């Protein structure tokens, strides 16, 4: 795919959604960090349902640490892998208090030292909480990047590196959200909605679906 196509793709995505945002509910960088850690192998909807009660009970590292693993687990037991996530979150809260004064760090290196935080989670925090032009490649973005031809790659890191190279700078801040939302609702894993896709004529996917006859 050439640069002109990529520019037009992101121009259309921006026109359709000028201010893209995460579907996770949060008020502070800490709440976003918690929500993103919980979102691994879970839907945003299920996370938001669990964090509504959790954040009402504990919205700071100190408050969440006071819950302990057992108390935290009760709030998030509707989410998959909740036991492991509770342990990671409690350990993360402790480190935030001990090393960062209770604040979420603003560097990738410090974020990735927190339990339960990998490169993808760090990218989400840097982008969504702190306004950095990072792109967190999840299953939706990996699929869209490969299927459309925007940034094909065999690994998550390869796709991320290509996106950071090929996405025009003016679109990099919003690219993460545009691509994930496009993959979630239009360029779905099964039965992509190609007839409704606003970039279908630019997409290089060879097996586009067709509109069903009336």
N, C-alpha and C. Protein backbone atom coordinates (compact mmCIF):
# COMPACT_ATOMS: atom_id res chain seq x y z
N UNK A 1 0.85 -1.19 0.00
CA UNK A 1 0.00 0.00 0.00
C UNK A 1 0.89 1.25 0.00
N UNK A 2 0.52 2.22 -0.83
CA UNK A 2 1.35 3.42 -0.91
C UNK A 2 0.92 4.49 0.10
N UNK A 3 1.74 5.51 0.23
CA UNK A 3 1.52 6.54 1.23
C UNK A 3 0.22 7.31 0.99
N UNK A 4 -0.13 7.54 -0.27
CA UNK A 4 -1.35 8.29 -0.58
C UNK A 4 -2.59 7.54 -0.10
N UNK A 5 -2.59 6.23 -0.28
CA UNK A 5 -3.72 5.41 0.19
C UNK A 5 -3.84 5.48 1.71
N UNK A 6 -2.71 5.34 2.39
CA UNK A 6 -2.74 5.37 3.85
C UNK A 6 -3.26 6.72 4.34
N UNK A 7 -2.81 7.78 3.72
CA UNK A 7 -3.25 9.11 4.13
C UNK A 7 -4.76 9.26 3.95
N UNK A 8 -5.27 8.78 2.84
CA UNK A 8 -6.70 8.89 2.59
C UNK A 8 -7.51 8.02 3.55
N UNK A 9 -6.99 6.84 3.88
CA UNK A 9 -7.67 5.97 4.84
C UNK A 9 -7.84 6.68 6.17
N UNK A 10 -6.77 7.24 6.68
CA UNK A 10 -6.86 7.89 7.99
C UNK A 10 -7.61 9.22 7.92
N UNK A 11 -7.58 9.87 6.77
CA UNK A 11 -8.39 11.08 6.60
C UNK A 11 -9.87 10.76 6.73
N UNK A 12 -10.28 9.65 6.11
CA UNK A 12 -11.70 9.26 6.19
C UNK A 12 -12.07 8.82 7.61
N UNK A 13 -11.19 8.07 8.24
CA UNK A 13 -11.48 7.64 9.61
C UNK A 13 -11.59 8.85 10.53
N UNK A 14 -10.75 9.86 10.32
CA UNK A 14 -10.82 11.06 11.15
C UNK A 14 -12.08 11.86 10.87
N UNK A 15 -12.47 11.96 9.63
CA UNK A 15 -13.71 12.71 9.32
C UNK A 15 -14.92 12.04 9.95
N UNK A 16 -14.92 10.71 9.95
CA UNK A 16 -16.05 9.97 10.51
C UNK A 16 -16.06 10.03 12.03
N UNK A 17 -14.88 10.17 12.64
CA UNK A 17 -14.78 10.17 14.10
C UNK A 17 -13.62 11.10 14.50
N UNK A 18 -13.89 12.42 14.56
CA UNK A 18 -12.81 13.39 14.78
C UNK A 18 -12.12 13.28 16.13
N UNK A 19 -12.81 12.76 17.13
CA UNK A 19 -12.24 12.69 18.48
C UNK A 19 -12.39 11.28 19.04
N UNK A 20 -11.60 10.33 18.51
CA UNK A 20 -11.76 8.93 18.92
C UNK A 20 -11.32 8.72 20.36
N UNK A 21 -12.07 7.88 21.07
CA UNK A 21 -11.77 7.63 22.48
C UNK A 21 -11.93 6.15 22.79
N UNK A 22 -11.27 5.73 23.85
CA UNK A 22 -11.42 4.37 24.32
C UNK A 22 -12.84 4.15 24.83
N UNK A 23 -13.30 2.91 24.77
CA UNK A 23 -14.61 2.57 25.30
C UNK A 23 -14.54 2.14 26.76
N UNK A 24 -13.34 2.12 27.32
CA UNK A 24 -13.19 1.86 28.75
C UNK A 24 -13.56 3.12 29.53
N UNK A 25 -14.24 2.94 30.64
CA UNK A 25 -14.65 4.06 31.48
C UNK A 25 -13.57 4.35 32.52
N UNK A 26 -13.10 5.60 32.57
CA UNK A 26 -12.08 5.97 33.55
C UNK A 26 -12.11 7.48 33.78
N UNK A 27 -11.59 7.91 34.91
CA UNK A 27 -11.50 9.34 35.22
C UNK A 27 -10.07 9.80 35.43
N UNK A 28 -9.18 8.89 35.77
CA UNK A 28 -7.79 9.24 36.07
C UNK A 28 -6.85 8.25 35.38
N UNK A 29 -5.58 8.59 35.25
CA UNK A 29 -4.62 7.62 34.69
C UNK A 29 -4.60 6.31 35.48
N UNK A 30 -4.76 6.38 36.80
CA UNK A 30 -4.76 5.15 37.58
C UNK A 30 -5.97 4.28 37.23
N UNK A 31 -7.14 4.88 37.12
CA UNK A 31 -8.32 4.09 36.75
C UNK A 31 -8.17 3.49 35.37
N UNK A 32 -7.56 4.23 34.45
CA UNK A 32 -7.31 3.67 33.11
C UNK A 32 -6.35 2.49 33.20
N UNK A 33 -5.29 2.63 33.99
CA UNK A 33 -4.33 1.53 34.16
C UNK A 33 -5.03 0.28 34.67
N UNK A 34 -5.86 0.44 35.68
CA UNK A 34 -6.60 -0.70 36.23
C UNK A 34 -7.49 -1.32 35.16
N UNK A 35 -8.23 -0.48 34.44
CA UNK A 35 -9.17 -0.97 33.43
C UNK A 35 -8.45 -1.72 32.32
N UNK A 36 -7.30 -1.21 31.90
CA UNK A 36 -6.57 -1.87 30.80
C UNK A 36 -6.00 -3.20 31.26
N UNK A 37 -5.49 -3.25 32.47
CA UNK A 37 -5.00 -4.53 33.00
C UNK A 37 -6.14 -5.55 33.07
N UNK A 38 -7.30 -5.11 33.49
CA UNK A 38 -8.45 -6.01 33.59
C UNK A 38 -8.98 -6.42 32.21
N UNK A 39 -8.72 -5.62 31.19
CA UNK A 39 -9.32 -5.87 29.87
C UNK A 39 -8.66 -7.00 29.10
N UNK A 40 -7.53 -7.52 29.59
CA UNK A 40 -6.88 -8.64 28.90
C UNK A 40 -7.83 -9.83 28.86
N UNK A 41 -8.12 -10.30 27.65
CA UNK A 41 -9.04 -11.44 27.43
C UNK A 41 -10.41 -11.18 28.04
N UNK A 42 -10.84 -9.93 28.01
CA UNK A 42 -12.17 -9.55 28.49
C UNK A 42 -12.69 -8.42 27.61
N UNK A 43 -13.99 -8.24 27.56
CA UNK A 43 -14.57 -7.16 26.76
C UNK A 43 -14.57 -5.86 27.56
N UNK A 44 -14.54 -4.75 26.85
CA UNK A 44 -14.62 -3.46 27.53
C UNK A 44 -15.91 -3.34 28.32
N UNK A 45 -16.98 -3.88 27.79
CA UNK A 45 -18.27 -3.81 28.48
C UNK A 45 -18.21 -4.52 29.83
N UNK A 46 -17.61 -5.71 29.86
CA UNK A 46 -17.53 -6.45 31.13
C UNK A 46 -16.61 -5.75 32.12
N UNK A 47 -15.55 -5.13 31.61
CA UNK A 47 -14.65 -4.38 32.49
C UNK A 47 -15.36 -3.17 33.09
N UNK A 48 -16.07 -2.43 32.26
CA UNK A 48 -16.79 -1.25 32.75
C UNK A 48 -17.83 -1.63 33.80
N UNK A 49 -18.46 -2.75 33.62
CA UNK A 49 -19.45 -3.20 34.60
C UNK A 49 -18.79 -3.49 35.94
N UNK A 50 -17.63 -4.11 35.91
CA UNK A 50 -16.93 -4.44 37.14
C UNK A 50 -16.31 -3.22 37.80
N UNK A 51 -15.74 -2.33 36.99
CA UNK A 51 -15.04 -1.18 37.58
C UNK A 51 -16.00 -0.13 38.13
N UNK A 52 -17.24 -0.14 37.71
CA UNK A 52 -18.21 0.82 38.27
C UNK A 52 -18.27 0.68 39.78
N UNK A 53 -18.39 -0.55 40.24
CA UNK A 53 -18.42 -0.80 41.68
C UNK A 53 -17.04 -0.70 42.32
N UNK A 54 -16.03 -1.17 41.60
CA UNK A 54 -14.67 -1.15 42.13
C UNK A 54 -14.20 0.28 42.38
N UNK A 55 -14.37 1.15 41.39
CA UNK A 55 -13.88 2.51 41.54
C UNK A 55 -14.69 3.30 42.57
N UNK A 56 -15.93 2.90 42.79
CA UNK A 56 -16.71 3.54 43.85
C UNK A 56 -16.14 3.18 45.22
N UNK A 57 -15.58 1.99 45.31
CA UNK A 57 -15.01 1.52 46.59
C UNK A 57 -13.56 1.92 46.75
N UNK A 58 -12.82 1.96 45.64
CA UNK A 58 -11.38 2.26 45.72
C UNK A 58 -10.91 2.80 44.39
N UNK A 59 -10.61 4.09 44.35
CA UNK A 59 -10.21 4.73 43.10
C UNK A 59 -8.77 5.22 43.12
N UNK A 60 -8.02 4.81 44.14
CA UNK A 60 -6.61 5.21 44.26
C UNK A 60 -5.78 3.98 44.58
N UNK A 61 -4.47 4.05 44.33
CA UNK A 61 -3.62 2.90 44.69
C UNK A 61 -3.72 2.54 46.17
N UNK A 62 -3.77 3.54 47.04
CA UNK A 62 -3.85 3.26 48.48
C UNK A 62 -5.18 2.58 48.82
N UNK A 63 -6.25 3.07 48.22
CA UNK A 63 -7.56 2.47 48.49
C UNK A 63 -7.65 1.05 47.99
N UNK A 64 -7.09 0.80 46.81
CA UNK A 64 -7.16 -0.54 46.25
C UNK A 64 -6.25 -1.50 47.01
N UNK A 65 -5.09 -1.00 47.43
CA UNK A 65 -4.18 -1.83 48.22
C UNK A 65 -4.85 -2.25 49.52
N UNK A 66 -5.64 -1.35 50.10
CA UNK A 66 -6.33 -1.66 51.36
C UNK A 66 -7.36 -2.77 51.18
N UNK A 67 -7.88 -2.93 49.98
CA UNK A 67 -8.85 -4.01 49.73
C UNK A 67 -8.18 -5.37 49.85
N UNK A 68 -6.91 -5.45 49.47
CA UNK A 68 -6.23 -6.72 49.45
C UNK A 68 -6.69 -7.56 48.27
N UNK A 69 -5.99 -8.66 48.03
CA UNK A 69 -6.33 -9.53 46.89
C UNK A 69 -7.75 -10.06 47.02
N UNK A 70 -8.14 -10.49 48.20
CA UNK A 70 -9.47 -11.07 48.40
C UNK A 70 -10.56 -10.04 48.16
N UNK A 71 -10.37 -8.84 48.71
CA UNK A 71 -11.38 -7.80 48.54
C UNK A 71 -11.49 -7.34 47.10
N UNK A 72 -10.36 -7.19 46.43
CA UNK A 72 -10.37 -6.80 45.04
C UNK A 72 -11.01 -7.88 44.17
N UNK A 73 -10.70 -9.12 44.47
CA UNK A 73 -11.24 -10.24 43.68
C UNK A 73 -12.76 -10.25 43.70
N UNK A 74 -13.34 -9.87 44.83
CA UNK A 74 -14.81 -9.86 44.91
C UNK A 74 -15.42 -8.86 43.94
N UNK A 75 -14.71 -7.78 43.68
CA UNK A 75 -15.23 -6.77 42.76
C UNK A 75 -15.08 -7.18 41.30
N UNK A 76 -14.09 -8.00 40.99
CA UNK A 76 -13.77 -8.29 39.58
C UNK A 76 -13.99 -9.75 39.21
N UNK A 77 -14.68 -10.50 40.04
CA UNK A 77 -14.82 -11.93 39.80
C UNK A 77 -15.63 -12.26 38.55
N UNK A 78 -16.34 -11.28 37.99
CA UNK A 78 -17.08 -11.51 36.75
C UNK A 78 -16.17 -11.47 35.53
N UNK A 79 -14.91 -11.09 35.72
CA UNK A 79 -13.95 -10.96 34.62
C UNK A 79 -13.04 -12.18 34.58
N UNK A 80 -12.73 -12.64 33.40
CA UNK A 80 -11.86 -13.79 33.25
C UNK A 80 -10.49 -13.58 33.86
N UNK A 81 -9.92 -14.63 34.40
CA UNK A 81 -8.59 -14.62 35.01
C UNK A 81 -8.49 -13.62 36.16
N UNK A 82 -9.58 -13.46 36.89
CA UNK A 82 -9.64 -12.40 37.90
C UNK A 82 -8.67 -12.63 39.06
N UNK A 83 -8.37 -13.86 39.41
CA UNK A 83 -7.45 -14.10 40.52
C UNK A 83 -6.05 -13.57 40.21
N UNK A 84 -5.55 -13.91 39.04
CA UNK A 84 -4.23 -13.43 38.64
C UNK A 84 -4.21 -11.92 38.48
N UNK A 85 -5.27 -11.37 37.92
CA UNK A 85 -5.33 -9.92 37.72
C UNK A 85 -5.38 -9.20 39.07
N UNK A 86 -6.09 -9.77 40.04
CA UNK A 86 -6.15 -9.15 41.37
C UNK A 86 -4.77 -9.12 42.01
N UNK A 87 -4.04 -10.21 41.90
CA UNK A 87 -2.69 -10.26 42.47
C UNK A 87 -1.77 -9.23 41.81
N UNK A 88 -1.86 -9.13 40.47
CA UNK A 88 -1.03 -8.16 39.76
C UNK A 88 -1.39 -6.73 40.15
N UNK A 89 -2.69 -6.46 40.27
CA UNK A 89 -3.11 -5.09 40.60
C UNK A 89 -2.68 -4.69 42.01
N UNK A 90 -2.80 -5.60 42.94
CA UNK A 90 -2.35 -5.28 44.30
C UNK A 90 -0.85 -5.02 44.32
N UNK A 91 -0.09 -5.84 43.62
CA UNK A 91 1.36 -5.63 43.54
C UNK A 91 1.68 -4.32 42.84
N UNK A 92 0.92 -3.99 41.80
CA UNK A 92 1.11 -2.73 41.09
C UNK A 92 0.82 -1.54 41.99
N UNK A 93 -0.27 -1.60 42.75
CA UNK A 93 -0.61 -0.52 43.67
C UNK A 93 0.52 -0.29 44.68
N UNK A 94 1.08 -1.37 45.16
CA UNK A 94 2.17 -1.26 46.14
C UNK A 94 3.39 -0.56 45.51
N UNK A 95 3.71 -0.93 44.29
CA UNK A 95 4.85 -0.31 43.62
C UNK A 95 4.58 1.16 43.29
N UNK A 96 3.36 1.46 42.90
CA UNK A 96 3.02 2.86 42.62
C UNK A 96 3.23 3.73 43.85
N UNK A 97 2.85 3.22 44.99
CA UNK A 97 3.01 3.96 46.24
C UNK A 97 4.46 4.04 46.68
N UNK A 98 5.18 2.93 46.52
CA UNK A 98 6.57 2.88 47.00
C UNK A 98 7.54 3.63 46.10
N UNK A 99 7.30 3.57 44.79
CA UNK A 99 8.29 4.11 43.85
C UNK A 99 7.85 5.38 43.13
N UNK A 100 6.54 5.63 43.06
CA UNK A 100 6.06 6.73 42.22
C UNK A 100 5.13 7.70 42.96
N UNK A 101 5.13 7.64 44.26
CA UNK A 101 4.30 8.57 45.02
C UNK A 101 2.81 8.41 44.77
N UNK A 102 2.41 7.22 44.33
CA UNK A 102 1.00 6.96 44.07
C UNK A 102 0.55 7.38 42.68
N UNK A 103 1.45 7.94 41.87
CA UNK A 103 1.11 8.36 40.52
C UNK A 103 1.46 7.28 39.50
N UNK A 104 0.77 7.30 38.37
CA UNK A 104 1.10 6.39 37.27
C UNK A 104 2.30 6.98 36.53
N UNK A 105 3.38 6.23 36.36
CA UNK A 105 4.57 6.77 35.67
C UNK A 105 4.27 7.07 34.21
N UNK A 106 5.05 8.02 33.69
CA UNK A 106 4.80 8.49 32.32
C UNK A 106 5.84 7.97 31.33
N UNK A 107 6.62 6.99 31.69
CA UNK A 107 7.60 6.43 30.76
C UNK A 107 7.28 4.95 30.52
N UNK A 108 7.60 4.49 29.32
CA UNK A 108 7.35 3.09 28.98
C UNK A 108 8.12 2.15 29.91
N UNK A 109 9.37 2.49 30.18
CA UNK A 109 10.21 1.61 30.99
C UNK A 109 9.60 1.41 32.38
N UNK A 110 9.17 2.50 33.00
CA UNK A 110 8.60 2.41 34.34
C UNK A 110 7.26 1.68 34.31
N UNK A 111 6.47 1.92 33.30
CA UNK A 111 5.17 1.25 33.19
C UNK A 111 5.36 -0.26 33.04
N UNK A 112 6.31 -0.66 32.21
CA UNK A 112 6.51 -2.09 31.95
C UNK A 112 7.13 -2.83 33.13
N UNK A 113 7.56 -2.10 34.14
CA UNK A 113 8.05 -2.75 35.36
C UNK A 113 6.91 -3.06 36.32
N UNK A 114 5.72 -2.59 36.03
CA UNK A 114 4.57 -2.86 36.89
C UNK A 114 3.99 -4.24 36.57
N UNK A 115 3.64 -5.02 37.57
CA UNK A 115 3.06 -6.35 37.32
C UNK A 115 1.79 -6.27 36.47
N UNK A 116 1.72 -7.11 35.46
CA UNK A 116 0.55 -7.14 34.61
C UNK A 116 0.58 -6.13 33.48
N UNK A 117 1.66 -5.37 33.38
CA UNK A 117 1.78 -4.35 32.33
C UNK A 117 2.86 -4.75 31.33
N UNK A 118 2.43 -5.00 30.10
CA UNK A 118 3.36 -5.28 29.01
C UNK A 118 3.41 -4.12 28.06
N UNK A 119 4.00 -4.31 26.92
CA UNK A 119 4.18 -3.23 25.95
C UNK A 119 2.83 -2.68 25.47
N UNK A 120 1.88 -3.56 25.20
CA UNK A 120 0.59 -3.09 24.70
C UNK A 120 -0.11 -2.20 25.73
N UNK A 121 -0.15 -2.65 26.99
CA UNK A 121 -0.79 -1.86 28.05
C UNK A 121 -0.07 -0.53 28.23
N UNK A 122 1.25 -0.56 28.21
CA UNK A 122 2.01 0.69 28.34
C UNK A 122 1.69 1.65 27.22
N UNK A 123 1.55 1.14 26.00
CA UNK A 123 1.20 1.99 24.86
C UNK A 123 -0.17 2.63 25.04
N UNK A 124 -1.12 1.86 25.55
CA UNK A 124 -2.46 2.41 25.78
C UNK A 124 -2.40 3.55 26.79
N UNK A 125 -1.68 3.35 27.89
CA UNK A 125 -1.58 4.38 28.93
C UNK A 125 -0.89 5.62 28.38
N UNK A 126 0.22 5.44 27.68
CA UNK A 126 0.94 6.58 27.13
C UNK A 126 0.08 7.36 26.16
N UNK A 127 -0.70 6.66 25.34
CA UNK A 127 -1.54 7.31 24.34
C UNK A 127 -2.76 7.97 24.97
N UNK A 128 -3.52 7.19 25.72
CA UNK A 128 -4.84 7.63 26.17
C UNK A 128 -4.79 8.52 27.41
N UNK A 129 -3.87 8.24 28.32
CA UNK A 129 -3.77 9.05 29.54
C UNK A 129 -2.86 10.25 29.36
N UNK A 130 -1.79 10.08 28.56
CA UNK A 130 -0.77 11.11 28.51
C UNK A 130 -0.59 11.75 27.13
N UNK A 131 -1.42 11.35 26.16
CA UNK A 131 -1.42 12.02 24.87
C UNK A 131 -0.19 11.80 24.01
N UNK A 132 0.46 10.66 24.17
CA UNK A 132 1.61 10.35 23.32
C UNK A 132 1.15 9.57 22.08
N UNK A 133 1.85 9.76 21.00
CA UNK A 133 1.47 9.14 19.73
C UNK A 133 1.99 7.70 19.65
N UNK A 134 1.48 6.85 20.53
CA UNK A 134 1.83 5.43 20.51
C UNK A 134 0.65 4.64 19.95
N UNK A 135 0.93 3.44 19.48
CA UNK A 135 -0.11 2.58 18.92
C UNK A 135 -0.01 1.22 19.58
N UNK A 136 -1.04 0.85 20.31
CA UNK A 136 -1.07 -0.44 20.99
C UNK A 136 -1.76 -1.47 20.09
N UNK A 137 -1.03 -2.47 19.68
CA UNK A 137 -1.56 -3.45 18.73
C UNK A 137 -2.23 -4.60 19.47
N UNK A 138 -3.54 -4.64 19.39
CA UNK A 138 -4.30 -5.77 19.95
C UNK A 138 -4.77 -6.64 18.79
N UNK A 139 -5.62 -7.60 19.08
CA UNK A 139 -6.06 -8.52 18.03
C UNK A 139 -6.82 -7.82 16.91
N UNK A 140 -7.59 -6.77 17.25
CA UNK A 140 -8.34 -6.04 16.22
C UNK A 140 -7.39 -5.26 15.31
N UNK A 141 -6.45 -4.54 15.90
CA UNK A 141 -5.53 -3.74 15.11
C UNK A 141 -4.61 -4.63 14.27
N UNK A 142 -4.18 -5.75 14.85
CA UNK A 142 -3.35 -6.69 14.10
C UNK A 142 -4.09 -7.17 12.85
N UNK A 143 -5.38 -7.49 13.03
CA UNK A 143 -6.19 -7.97 11.90
C UNK A 143 -6.38 -6.87 10.86
N UNK A 144 -6.76 -5.69 11.27
CA UNK A 144 -7.02 -4.60 10.33
C UNK A 144 -5.75 -4.21 9.58
N UNK A 145 -4.64 -4.13 10.29
CA UNK A 145 -3.38 -3.73 9.65
C UNK A 145 -2.97 -4.73 8.57
N UNK A 146 -3.18 -6.02 8.85
CA UNK A 146 -2.82 -7.05 7.87
C UNK A 146 -3.85 -7.17 6.76
N UNK A 147 -5.12 -7.16 7.13
CA UNK A 147 -6.17 -7.38 6.14
C UNK A 147 -6.23 -6.25 5.12
N UNK A 148 -6.13 -5.02 5.58
CA UNK A 148 -6.23 -3.87 4.67
C UNK A 148 -4.95 -3.64 3.87
N UNK A 149 -3.82 -4.07 4.44
CA UNK A 149 -2.55 -3.79 3.82
C UNK A 149 -1.88 -2.54 4.34
N UNK A 150 -2.47 -1.90 5.37
CA UNK A 150 -1.89 -0.68 5.93
C UNK A 150 -0.50 -0.94 6.49
N UNK A 151 -0.37 -2.04 7.24
CA UNK A 151 0.92 -2.36 7.87
C UNK A 151 0.99 -3.85 8.14
N UNK A 152 1.16 -4.66 7.10
CA UNK A 152 1.19 -6.11 7.28
C UNK A 152 2.42 -6.58 8.06
N UNK A 153 2.21 -7.57 8.90
CA UNK A 153 3.32 -8.12 9.66
C UNK A 153 2.94 -9.43 10.30
N UNK A 154 3.93 -10.26 10.60
CA UNK A 154 3.66 -11.58 11.18
C UNK A 154 3.58 -11.57 12.69
N UNK A 155 4.11 -10.52 13.32
CA UNK A 155 4.08 -10.42 14.77
C UNK A 155 3.47 -9.08 15.18
N UNK A 156 3.03 -9.02 16.43
CA UNK A 156 2.45 -7.78 16.96
C UNK A 156 3.48 -6.65 16.90
N UNK A 157 4.70 -6.93 17.29
CA UNK A 157 5.72 -5.89 17.29
C UNK A 157 6.04 -5.41 15.88
N UNK A 158 6.06 -6.34 14.91
CA UNK A 158 6.33 -5.95 13.53
C UNK A 158 5.24 -5.02 13.03
N UNK A 159 3.99 -5.34 13.35
CA UNK A 159 2.87 -4.49 12.94
C UNK A 159 2.97 -3.13 13.61
N UNK A 160 3.28 -3.11 14.90
CA UNK A 160 3.42 -1.83 15.61
C UNK A 160 4.51 -0.97 14.97
N UNK A 161 5.65 -1.57 14.72
CA UNK A 161 6.76 -0.81 14.14
C UNK A 161 6.40 -0.26 12.76
N UNK A 162 5.69 -1.05 11.98
CA UNK A 162 5.30 -0.59 10.64
C UNK A 162 4.26 0.52 10.73
N UNK A 163 3.32 0.40 11.67
CA UNK A 163 2.33 1.46 11.84
C UNK A 163 3.00 2.77 12.24
N UNK A 164 3.96 2.69 13.17
CA UNK A 164 4.66 3.90 13.59
C UNK A 164 5.48 4.49 12.45
N UNK A 165 5.87 3.67 11.50
CA UNK A 165 6.63 4.15 10.35
C UNK A 165 5.74 4.70 9.25
N UNK A 166 4.61 4.02 9.02
CA UNK A 166 3.80 4.33 7.85
C UNK A 166 2.61 5.27 8.12
N UNK A 167 2.08 5.29 9.34
CA UNK A 167 0.95 6.19 9.61
C UNK A 167 1.47 7.63 9.62
N UNK A 168 0.89 8.51 8.81
CA UNK A 168 1.34 9.90 8.80
C UNK A 168 1.30 10.51 10.19
N UNK A 169 2.28 11.32 10.56
CA UNK A 169 2.37 11.88 11.91
C UNK A 169 1.10 12.54 12.41
N UNK A 170 0.37 13.21 11.52
CA UNK A 170 -0.84 13.92 11.95
C UNK A 170 -1.94 12.97 12.43
N UNK A 171 -1.83 11.69 12.11
CA UNK A 171 -2.86 10.73 12.49
C UNK A 171 -2.43 9.78 13.61
N UNK A 172 -1.18 9.85 14.03
CA UNK A 172 -0.66 8.82 14.95
C UNK A 172 -1.34 8.84 16.31
N UNK A 173 -1.70 10.00 16.81
CA UNK A 173 -2.33 10.05 18.13
C UNK A 173 -3.67 9.32 18.14
N UNK A 174 -4.44 9.46 17.07
CA UNK A 174 -5.77 8.84 17.01
C UNK A 174 -5.79 7.46 16.37
N UNK A 175 -4.67 7.06 15.76
CA UNK A 175 -4.66 5.82 14.97
C UNK A 175 -5.06 4.60 15.79
N UNK A 176 -4.56 4.52 17.02
CA UNK A 176 -4.89 3.37 17.88
C UNK A 176 -6.40 3.21 18.01
N UNK A 177 -7.09 4.29 18.33
CA UNK A 177 -8.53 4.21 18.55
C UNK A 177 -9.29 3.99 17.24
N UNK A 178 -8.89 4.67 16.18
CA UNK A 178 -9.58 4.46 14.90
C UNK A 178 -9.49 3.01 14.45
N UNK A 179 -8.31 2.43 14.54
CA UNK A 179 -8.12 1.07 14.06
C UNK A 179 -8.83 0.04 14.94
N UNK A 180 -8.78 0.23 16.25
CA UNK A 180 -9.43 -0.75 17.12
C UNK A 180 -10.95 -0.70 16.97
N UNK A 181 -11.50 0.50 16.84
CA UNK A 181 -12.95 0.62 16.66
C UNK A 181 -13.37 0.08 15.30
N UNK A 182 -12.55 0.33 14.30
CA UNK A 182 -12.87 -0.20 12.96
C UNK A 182 -12.85 -1.72 12.97
N UNK A 183 -11.87 -2.29 13.66
CA UNK A 183 -11.79 -3.75 13.74
C UNK A 183 -12.89 -4.36 14.58
N UNK A 184 -13.32 -3.64 15.59
CA UNK A 184 -14.35 -4.15 16.49
C UNK A 184 -15.74 -4.15 15.85
N UNK A 185 -16.03 -3.12 15.05
CA UNK A 185 -17.40 -2.95 14.57
C UNK A 185 -17.59 -3.12 13.06
N UNK A 186 -16.54 -2.99 12.28
CA UNK A 186 -16.69 -3.08 10.82
C UNK A 186 -15.83 -4.21 10.26
N UNK A 187 -14.53 -4.12 10.46
CA UNK A 187 -13.61 -5.12 9.91
C UNK A 187 -13.47 -6.29 10.89
N UNK A 188 -14.60 -6.94 11.14
CA UNK A 188 -14.67 -7.99 12.15
C UNK A 188 -13.95 -9.25 11.68
N UNK A 189 -13.57 -10.07 12.65
CA UNK A 189 -12.85 -11.30 12.32
C UNK A 189 -13.69 -12.20 11.42
N UNK A 190 -14.95 -12.36 11.79
CA UNK A 190 -15.88 -13.14 10.98
C UNK A 190 -16.89 -12.20 10.34
N UNK A 191 -17.15 -12.43 9.07
CA UNK A 191 -18.13 -11.64 8.33
C UNK A 191 -17.88 -10.13 8.45
N UNK A 192 -16.73 -9.66 7.96
CA UNK A 192 -16.49 -8.22 7.97
C UNK A 192 -17.56 -7.49 7.15
N UNK A 193 -17.88 -6.30 7.58
CA UNK A 193 -18.96 -5.54 6.94
C UNK A 193 -18.41 -4.69 5.80
N UNK A 194 -17.82 -5.35 4.81
CA UNK A 194 -17.19 -4.64 3.70
C UNK A 194 -18.15 -3.70 2.95
N UNK A 195 -19.42 -4.09 2.71
CA UNK A 195 -20.32 -3.17 2.00
C UNK A 195 -20.58 -1.87 2.76
N UNK A 196 -20.39 -1.88 4.07
CA UNK A 196 -20.62 -0.68 4.88
C UNK A 196 -19.33 0.05 5.22
N UNK A 197 -18.22 -0.46 4.75
CA UNK A 197 -16.91 0.07 5.15
C UNK A 197 -16.57 1.34 4.37
N UNK A 198 -16.16 2.38 5.09
CA UNK A 198 -15.88 3.66 4.43
C UNK A 198 -14.52 3.69 3.75
N UNK A 199 -13.71 2.63 3.93
CA UNK A 199 -12.42 2.57 3.24
C UNK A 199 -12.32 1.35 2.33
N UNK A 200 -13.46 0.76 1.99
CA UNK A 200 -13.46 -0.48 1.20
C UNK A 200 -12.75 -0.34 -0.13
N UNK A 201 -12.88 0.83 -0.76
CA UNK A 201 -12.25 1.01 -2.07
C UNK A 201 -10.74 1.17 -1.97
N UNK A 202 -10.24 1.43 -0.78
CA UNK A 202 -8.80 1.59 -0.57
C UNK A 202 -8.17 0.34 0.02
N UNK A 203 -8.98 -0.48 0.63
CA UNK A 203 -8.52 -1.69 1.31
C UNK A 203 -8.04 -2.73 0.29
N UNK A 204 -6.97 -3.43 0.63
CA UNK A 204 -6.38 -4.40 -0.30
C UNK A 204 -6.78 -5.85 0.02
N UNK A 205 -7.78 -6.01 0.87
CA UNK A 205 -8.28 -7.35 1.21
C UNK A 205 -8.94 -7.95 -0.03
N UNK A 206 -8.57 -9.16 -0.38
CA UNK A 206 -9.04 -9.76 -1.63
C UNK A 206 -10.37 -10.49 -1.50
N UNK A 207 -10.77 -10.80 -0.27
CA UNK A 207 -11.99 -11.58 -0.10
C UNK A 207 -13.09 -10.74 0.57
N UNK A 208 -13.31 -9.58 0.02
CA UNK A 208 -14.31 -8.69 0.59
C UNK A 208 -15.70 -9.32 0.52
N UNK A 209 -16.48 -9.11 1.57
CA UNK A 209 -17.84 -9.62 1.59
C UNK A 209 -18.73 -8.72 0.73
N UNK A 210 -19.83 -9.27 0.25
CA UNK A 210 -20.75 -8.51 -0.60
C UNK A 210 -22.06 -8.28 0.13
N UNK A 211 -22.75 -7.24 -0.29
CA UNK A 211 -24.04 -6.95 0.30
C UNK A 211 -25.03 -8.06 -0.05
N UNK A 212 -25.84 -8.43 0.91
CA UNK A 212 -26.85 -9.46 0.66
C UNK A 212 -27.98 -8.88 -0.18
N UNK A 213 -28.52 -9.66 -1.11
CA UNK A 213 -29.61 -9.16 -1.95
C UNK A 213 -30.83 -8.85 -1.12
N UNK A 214 -31.60 -7.84 -1.51
CA UNK A 214 -32.79 -7.49 -0.74
C UNK A 214 -33.84 -8.59 -0.78
